[in-house]
Protein backbone atom coordinates (compact mmCIF):
# COMPACT_ATOMS: atom_id res chain seq x y z
CA MET A 1 190.67 100.86 -46.89
CA PRO A 2 189.15 103.96 -45.24
CA LYS A 3 189.07 107.13 -47.33
CA ILE A 4 191.29 109.00 -44.86
CA PHE A 5 194.32 107.05 -46.14
CA GLU A 6 193.94 108.72 -49.54
CA GLU A 7 195.12 111.92 -47.86
CA ARG A 8 198.29 110.56 -46.28
CA GLN A 9 199.67 113.83 -44.89
CA THR A 10 196.28 114.91 -43.54
CA TYR A 11 195.93 111.56 -41.75
CA ILE A 12 199.44 111.80 -40.24
CA GLU A 13 198.87 115.38 -39.06
CA SER A 14 195.51 114.45 -37.55
CA VAL A 15 197.03 111.51 -35.65
CA LEU A 16 199.91 113.69 -34.42
CA HIS A 17 197.54 116.42 -33.26
CA ASN A 18 195.19 113.99 -31.49
CA ILE A 19 197.98 112.18 -29.67
CA LYS A 20 199.57 115.41 -28.47
CA HIS A 21 196.15 116.52 -27.21
CA ILE A 22 195.62 113.18 -25.45
CA SER A 23 199.05 113.42 -23.81
CA GLU A 24 198.23 116.89 -22.46
CA GLU A 25 195.02 115.56 -20.91
CA VAL A 26 196.71 112.50 -19.41
CA SER A 27 199.70 114.46 -18.07
CA GLN A 28 197.43 116.84 -16.15
CA LYS A 29 196.79 113.99 -13.75
CA SER A 30 199.47 113.00 -11.28
CA VAL A 31 200.63 109.69 -12.73
CA SER A 32 203.76 107.55 -12.82
CA LYS A 33 205.57 106.73 -16.07
CA LYS A 34 203.89 103.31 -16.18
CA GLN A 35 200.45 104.82 -15.54
CA PHE A 36 201.11 107.40 -18.26
CA HIS A 37 202.11 104.65 -20.72
CA ASN A 38 199.03 102.58 -19.92
CA ALA A 39 196.68 105.58 -20.15
CA MET A 40 198.21 106.66 -23.47
CA GLN A 41 197.93 103.12 -24.79
CA GLN A 42 194.24 102.91 -23.91
CA ARG A 43 193.46 106.38 -25.27
CA ILE A 44 195.26 105.62 -28.57
CA ILE A 45 193.27 102.37 -28.84
CA ASN A 46 190.08 104.38 -28.34
CA LEU A 47 191.21 107.04 -30.83
CA ALA A 48 191.03 104.45 -33.62
CA ASN A 49 187.23 104.77 -33.53
CA SER A 50 187.40 108.39 -34.70
CA PHE A 51 189.13 107.15 -37.88
CA ASN A 52 186.61 104.31 -38.34
CA LEU A 53 189.26 101.77 -37.38
CA LYS A 54 189.52 99.16 -34.63
CA GLY A 55 192.26 99.57 -32.04
CA LEU A 56 193.95 96.69 -30.23
CA ARG A 57 196.69 96.47 -27.62
CA GLU A 58 199.80 94.26 -27.71
CA TYR A 59 199.91 93.19 -31.36
CA ARG A 60 202.26 90.24 -31.85
CA VAL A 61 205.24 90.63 -34.20
CA HIS A 62 206.73 87.24 -35.01
CA ASN A 63 210.43 86.39 -34.79
CA ILE A 64 211.58 89.95 -34.06
CA ARG A 65 214.17 89.34 -31.35
CA ALA A 66 217.72 88.13 -31.92
CA ASP A 67 216.85 84.83 -30.22
CA GLY A 68 213.85 84.31 -32.51
CA ARG A 69 211.20 85.22 -29.95
CA ASP A 70 208.18 87.33 -30.78
CA GLY A 71 207.68 90.93 -29.73
CA LEU A 72 204.60 93.02 -29.00
CA ILE A 73 203.63 96.36 -30.54
CA ASP A 74 201.83 98.60 -28.04
CA VAL A 75 198.87 99.51 -30.29
CA VAL A 76 197.64 98.48 -33.71
CA TRP A 77 194.74 99.95 -35.68
CA LEU A 78 192.92 97.60 -38.03
CA ALA A 79 190.83 98.21 -41.15
CA ASP A 80 188.87 95.15 -42.26
CA LEU A 81 190.95 93.05 -39.81
CA LYS A 82 194.22 94.13 -41.49
CA PRO A 83 196.83 96.20 -39.62
CA VAL A 84 197.10 99.70 -41.10
CA THR A 85 198.70 101.77 -38.33
CA VAL A 86 201.00 100.77 -35.46
CA PHE A 87 202.24 102.64 -32.39
CA GLU A 88 205.07 102.11 -29.95
CA ILE A 89 204.96 104.19 -26.76
CA ASP A 90 208.25 104.66 -24.91
CA SER A 91 209.61 106.72 -22.03
CA ARG A 92 213.14 106.20 -23.29
CA ILE A 93 214.93 105.43 -26.51
CA ARG A 94 214.65 101.78 -27.51
CA ILE A 95 216.15 100.26 -30.64
CA LYS A 96 213.83 97.27 -30.28
CA SER A 97 210.81 99.58 -30.64
CA ILE A 98 212.13 100.88 -33.95
CA LYS A 99 212.80 97.35 -35.14
CA LYS A 100 209.27 96.25 -34.18
CA LEU A 101 207.71 99.19 -36.01
CA LEU A 102 209.72 98.44 -39.14
CA ALA A 103 208.92 94.72 -39.00
CA VAL A 104 205.19 95.23 -39.56
CA GLU A 105 203.94 95.77 -43.11
CA VAL A 106 201.61 98.74 -42.63
CA PRO A 107 201.22 102.12 -44.31
CA PHE A 108 201.61 104.09 -41.04
CA ARG A 109 204.00 103.74 -38.10
CA PHE A 110 204.16 106.08 -35.11
CA TRP A 111 206.67 106.16 -32.29
CA VAL A 112 205.38 108.08 -29.27
CA CYS A 113 208.34 109.19 -27.14
CA TYR A 114 207.98 110.96 -23.82
CA GLY A 115 211.47 110.60 -22.42
CA SER A 116 214.28 113.04 -21.85
CA ASN A 117 214.79 115.64 -24.58
CA TYR A 118 218.56 115.33 -24.05
CA GLU A 119 218.46 111.57 -24.60
CA PHE A 120 216.38 112.01 -27.74
CA LYS A 121 218.74 114.59 -29.30
CA ASN A 122 221.70 112.26 -28.75
CA PHE A 123 219.82 109.37 -30.37
CA ILE A 124 218.55 111.10 -33.50
CA SER A 125 221.44 110.10 -35.82
CA LEU A 126 221.11 106.45 -34.85
CA PHE A 127 217.34 106.69 -35.36
CA HIS A 128 217.88 108.01 -38.91
CA LYS A 129 220.15 105.03 -39.62
CA TYR A 130 217.26 102.65 -38.91
CA ASN A 131 214.58 104.92 -40.35
CA SER A 132 216.38 106.09 -43.51
CA ASP A 133 213.21 105.73 -45.57
CA ASN A 134 211.22 107.85 -43.07
CA LEU A 135 208.69 105.10 -42.52
CA ILE A 136 208.26 106.00 -38.84
CA GLN A 137 206.60 109.20 -37.68
CA VAL A 138 208.01 110.35 -34.35
CA ILE A 139 205.69 112.02 -31.86
CA GLN A 140 207.96 113.55 -29.26
CA LEU A 141 205.99 114.62 -26.20
CA GLN A 142 207.61 117.30 -24.11
CA GLY A 143 206.97 118.74 -20.68
CA ILE A 144 205.52 115.54 -19.24
CA ARG A 145 205.94 115.45 -15.46
CA PHE A 146 205.51 112.28 -13.48
CA LYS A 147 204.57 111.46 -9.93
CA ARG A 148 207.70 110.75 -7.95
CA LYS A 149 208.08 107.43 -6.20
CA LYS A 150 207.96 107.68 -2.43
CA VAL A 151 211.19 106.65 -0.77
């Protein structure tokens, strides 16, 4: 396990800072919500290298859905081929993202949200119900503007 995990709070703060910085860089370009998601996903995968970890996209979580189907986590960081940090990236509030994050046995879970601030404030009590042990770190990105679809 990399030494950085010994300093849990320092690691969390560093990840939070780096992701907010990445989002500022990505949002300076005129992109759609989907393009923003994909760019953030790739940049978070690449960020793993700065922590001496390996980043992968679309990590499979088995039997997560009500019908028994698998789900996919947006990004996973591996140390010695073992998952140590997972990320879900969402433009809106999704219970299934919280469930996926909680279903993976890892020391660190991050939920990157870039949706409406109003929607997030209304969801916070429900989020705490699922995340009562504070296992998920929320990274709420604000001020993200997207390219409008042409009509």
